């Protein structure tokens, strides 16, 4: 599982939960429940990474995996 930040919120307009991955531009998913939105977001992250690699684009390192300076 990837360690990218995922923000989940309710969209009144769409009547679904939206899951955004801020570290991966344009990477988002939705679902009828928070759990489904999160599951779909994890799938979207993998698709985002696969597509970036396919086109030779850089893949940002997740904030959660960066080492802090001593």
N, C-alpha and C. Protein backbone atom coordinates (compact mmCIF):
# COMPACT_ATOMS: atom_id res chain seq x y z
N UNK A 1 0.84 -1.18 0.00
CA UNK A 1 0.00 0.00 0.00
C UNK A 1 0.89 1.25 0.00
N UNK A 2 0.50 2.22 -0.75
CA UNK A 2 1.24 3.47 -0.84
C UNK A 2 0.91 4.35 0.36
N UNK A 3 1.81 5.29 0.65
CA UNK A 3 1.64 6.12 1.85
C UNK A 3 1.41 7.58 1.50
N UNK A 4 0.63 7.82 0.47
CA UNK A 4 0.28 9.19 0.10
C UNK A 4 -0.89 9.66 0.96
N UNK A 5 -0.89 10.95 1.25
CA UNK A 5 -2.00 11.55 2.00
C UNK A 5 -3.26 11.49 1.14
N UNK A 6 -4.38 11.12 1.75
CA UNK A 6 -5.66 11.09 1.06
C UNK A 6 -6.65 11.89 1.89
N UNK A 7 -7.29 12.86 1.26
CA UNK A 7 -8.28 13.70 1.93
C UNK A 7 -9.66 13.29 1.42
N UNK A 8 -10.55 12.96 2.35
CA UNK A 8 -11.90 12.53 1.99
C UNK A 8 -12.90 13.55 2.50
N UNK A 9 -13.82 13.94 1.61
CA UNK A 9 -14.86 14.89 2.01
C UNK A 9 -16.14 14.60 1.23
N UNK A 10 -17.24 15.09 1.76
CA UNK A 10 -18.56 14.90 1.15
C UNK A 10 -18.79 15.99 0.11
N UNK A 11 -19.22 15.59 -1.07
CA UNK A 11 -19.59 16.54 -2.12
C UNK A 11 -21.11 16.64 -2.16
N UNK A 12 -21.62 17.76 -1.70
CA UNK A 12 -23.07 17.98 -1.72
C UNK A 12 -23.58 17.97 -3.16
N UNK A 13 -22.80 18.57 -4.05
CA UNK A 13 -23.20 18.66 -5.46
C UNK A 13 -23.32 17.28 -6.12
N UNK A 14 -22.33 16.41 -5.85
CA UNK A 14 -22.31 15.09 -6.49
C UNK A 14 -22.98 14.01 -5.65
N UNK A 15 -23.23 14.31 -4.37
CA UNK A 15 -23.84 13.35 -3.44
C UNK A 15 -23.01 12.08 -3.28
N UNK A 16 -21.68 12.26 -3.22
CA UNK A 16 -20.74 11.16 -2.98
C UNK A 16 -19.58 11.69 -2.14
N UNK A 17 -18.82 10.77 -1.56
CA UNK A 17 -17.58 11.13 -0.90
C UNK A 17 -16.48 11.22 -1.95
N UNK A 18 -15.68 12.27 -1.87
CA UNK A 18 -14.56 12.49 -2.78
C UNK A 18 -13.28 12.20 -2.00
N UNK A 19 -12.35 11.49 -2.63
CA UNK A 19 -11.04 11.22 -2.04
C UNK A 19 -9.98 11.80 -2.95
N UNK A 20 -9.26 12.80 -2.45
CA UNK A 20 -8.22 13.47 -3.23
C UNK A 20 -6.84 13.08 -2.71
N UNK A 21 -5.88 12.97 -3.63
CA UNK A 21 -4.50 12.67 -3.28
C UNK A 21 -3.68 13.89 -3.70
N UNK A 22 -3.49 14.85 -2.78
CA UNK A 22 -2.87 16.13 -3.14
C UNK A 22 -1.46 16.02 -3.74
N UNK A 23 -0.71 15.00 -3.35
CA UNK A 23 0.66 14.87 -3.82
C UNK A 23 0.74 14.38 -5.27
N UNK A 24 -0.36 13.88 -5.79
CA UNK A 24 -0.41 13.38 -7.17
C UNK A 24 -1.44 14.21 -7.94
N UNK A 25 -1.00 15.20 -8.67
CA UNK A 25 -1.92 16.12 -9.34
C UNK A 25 -3.01 15.39 -10.16
N UNK A 26 -4.25 15.77 -9.89
CA UNK A 26 -5.37 15.20 -10.62
C UNK A 26 -5.82 13.84 -10.14
N UNK A 27 -5.16 13.29 -9.13
CA UNK A 27 -5.51 11.95 -8.64
C UNK A 27 -6.61 12.06 -7.61
N UNK A 28 -7.76 11.53 -7.95
CA UNK A 28 -8.90 11.54 -7.04
C UNK A 28 -9.85 10.41 -7.41
N UNK A 29 -10.73 10.10 -6.48
CA UNK A 29 -11.73 9.05 -6.70
C UNK A 29 -12.96 9.42 -5.88
N UNK A 30 -14.00 8.62 -6.00
CA UNK A 30 -15.21 8.89 -5.22
C UNK A 30 -15.87 7.57 -4.84
N UNK A 31 -16.85 7.66 -3.96
CA UNK A 31 -17.61 6.49 -3.55
C UNK A 31 -18.81 6.90 -2.73
N UNK A 32 -19.75 5.97 -2.59
CA UNK A 32 -20.96 6.24 -1.83
C UNK A 32 -20.70 6.29 -0.33
N UNK A 33 -19.60 5.66 0.12
CA UNK A 33 -19.20 5.71 1.52
C UNK A 33 -17.74 6.15 1.58
N UNK A 34 -17.30 6.54 2.77
CA UNK A 34 -15.90 6.92 2.93
C UNK A 34 -14.98 5.74 2.64
N UNK A 35 -15.41 4.55 3.05
CA UNK A 35 -14.60 3.35 2.84
C UNK A 35 -14.42 3.05 1.36
N UNK A 36 -15.49 3.18 0.60
CA UNK A 36 -15.42 2.92 -0.84
C UNK A 36 -14.57 3.99 -1.52
N UNK A 37 -14.72 5.23 -1.12
CA UNK A 37 -13.92 6.31 -1.69
C UNK A 37 -12.44 6.06 -1.42
N UNK A 38 -12.11 5.61 -0.22
CA UNK A 38 -10.71 5.32 0.13
C UNK A 38 -10.18 4.15 -0.70
N UNK A 39 -10.95 3.09 -0.82
CA UNK A 39 -10.53 1.94 -1.64
C UNK A 39 -10.29 2.38 -3.08
N UNK A 40 -11.20 3.17 -3.61
CA UNK A 40 -11.06 3.65 -4.99
C UNK A 40 -9.86 4.58 -5.14
N UNK A 41 -9.57 5.35 -4.09
CA UNK A 41 -8.41 6.25 -4.13
C UNK A 41 -7.11 5.44 -4.20
N UNK A 42 -7.04 4.34 -3.45
CA UNK A 42 -5.84 3.50 -3.51
C UNK A 42 -5.65 2.93 -4.92
N UNK A 43 -6.73 2.54 -5.55
CA UNK A 43 -6.64 2.06 -6.94
C UNK A 43 -6.22 3.19 -7.87
N UNK A 44 -6.74 4.39 -7.64
CA UNK A 44 -6.39 5.54 -8.48
C UNK A 44 -4.91 5.89 -8.33
N UNK A 45 -4.37 5.77 -7.11
CA UNK A 45 -2.95 6.04 -6.89
C UNK A 45 -2.11 5.09 -7.73
N UNK A 46 -2.45 3.81 -7.69
CA UNK A 46 -1.66 2.83 -8.47
C UNK A 46 -1.76 3.12 -9.96
N UNK A 47 -2.94 3.46 -10.45
CA UNK A 47 -3.10 3.81 -11.86
C UNK A 47 -2.31 5.07 -12.22
N UNK A 48 -2.31 6.06 -11.32
CA UNK A 48 -1.56 7.30 -11.54
C UNK A 48 -0.07 6.99 -11.67
N UNK A 49 0.44 6.17 -10.75
CA UNK A 49 1.86 5.81 -10.76
C UNK A 49 2.20 5.01 -12.02
N UNK A 50 1.38 4.03 -12.36
CA UNK A 50 1.62 3.21 -13.56
C UNK A 50 1.65 4.08 -14.82
N UNK A 51 0.73 5.02 -14.91
CA UNK A 51 0.67 5.90 -16.08
C UNK A 51 1.89 6.82 -16.14
N UNK A 52 2.28 7.37 -14.99
CA UNK A 52 3.46 8.24 -14.95
C UNK A 52 4.70 7.48 -15.41
N UNK A 53 4.86 6.26 -14.92
CA UNK A 53 6.02 5.44 -15.31
C UNK A 53 5.99 5.12 -16.80
N UNK A 54 4.81 4.81 -17.31
CA UNK A 54 4.65 4.47 -18.73
C UNK A 54 5.11 5.62 -19.62
N UNK A 55 4.84 6.86 -19.19
CA UNK A 55 5.20 8.02 -19.99
C UNK A 55 6.52 8.66 -19.57
N UNK A 56 7.22 8.03 -18.62
CA UNK A 56 8.50 8.54 -18.18
C UNK A 56 8.42 9.77 -17.31
N UNK A 57 7.27 10.01 -16.71
CA UNK A 57 7.09 11.16 -15.83
C UNK A 57 7.56 10.82 -14.41
N UNK A 58 8.02 11.81 -13.67
CA UNK A 58 8.47 11.54 -12.30
C UNK A 58 7.29 11.19 -11.38
N UNK A 59 7.57 10.33 -10.42
CA UNK A 59 6.58 9.96 -9.41
C UNK A 59 7.04 10.55 -8.08
N UNK A 60 6.27 11.48 -7.52
CA UNK A 60 6.67 12.09 -6.24
C UNK A 60 6.77 11.05 -5.13
N UNK A 61 7.72 11.26 -4.23
CA UNK A 61 7.86 10.41 -3.07
C UNK A 61 6.77 10.81 -2.06
N UNK A 62 6.09 9.85 -1.46
CA UNK A 62 5.08 10.21 -0.46
C UNK A 62 5.69 10.98 0.70
N UNK A 63 4.99 12.00 1.18
CA UNK A 63 5.48 12.77 2.33
C UNK A 63 5.74 11.86 3.52
N UNK A 64 4.91 10.87 3.69
CA UNK A 64 5.04 9.96 4.83
C UNK A 64 6.29 9.12 4.80
N UNK A 65 7.01 9.07 3.68
CA UNK A 65 8.21 8.26 3.60
C UNK A 65 9.49 9.10 3.57
N UNK A 66 9.38 10.39 3.63
CA UNK A 66 10.57 11.23 3.62
C UNK A 66 11.28 11.15 4.95
N UNK A 67 12.57 11.13 4.89
CA UNK A 67 13.37 11.09 6.12
C UNK A 67 13.58 12.51 6.63
N UNK A 68 13.47 12.67 7.91
CA UNK A 68 13.70 13.98 8.53
C UNK A 68 15.20 14.17 8.73
N UNK A 69 15.71 15.38 8.48
CA UNK A 69 17.13 15.61 8.73
C UNK A 69 17.46 15.49 10.21
N UNK A 70 18.66 15.04 10.47
CA UNK A 70 19.09 14.84 11.88
C UNK A 70 19.41 16.16 12.54
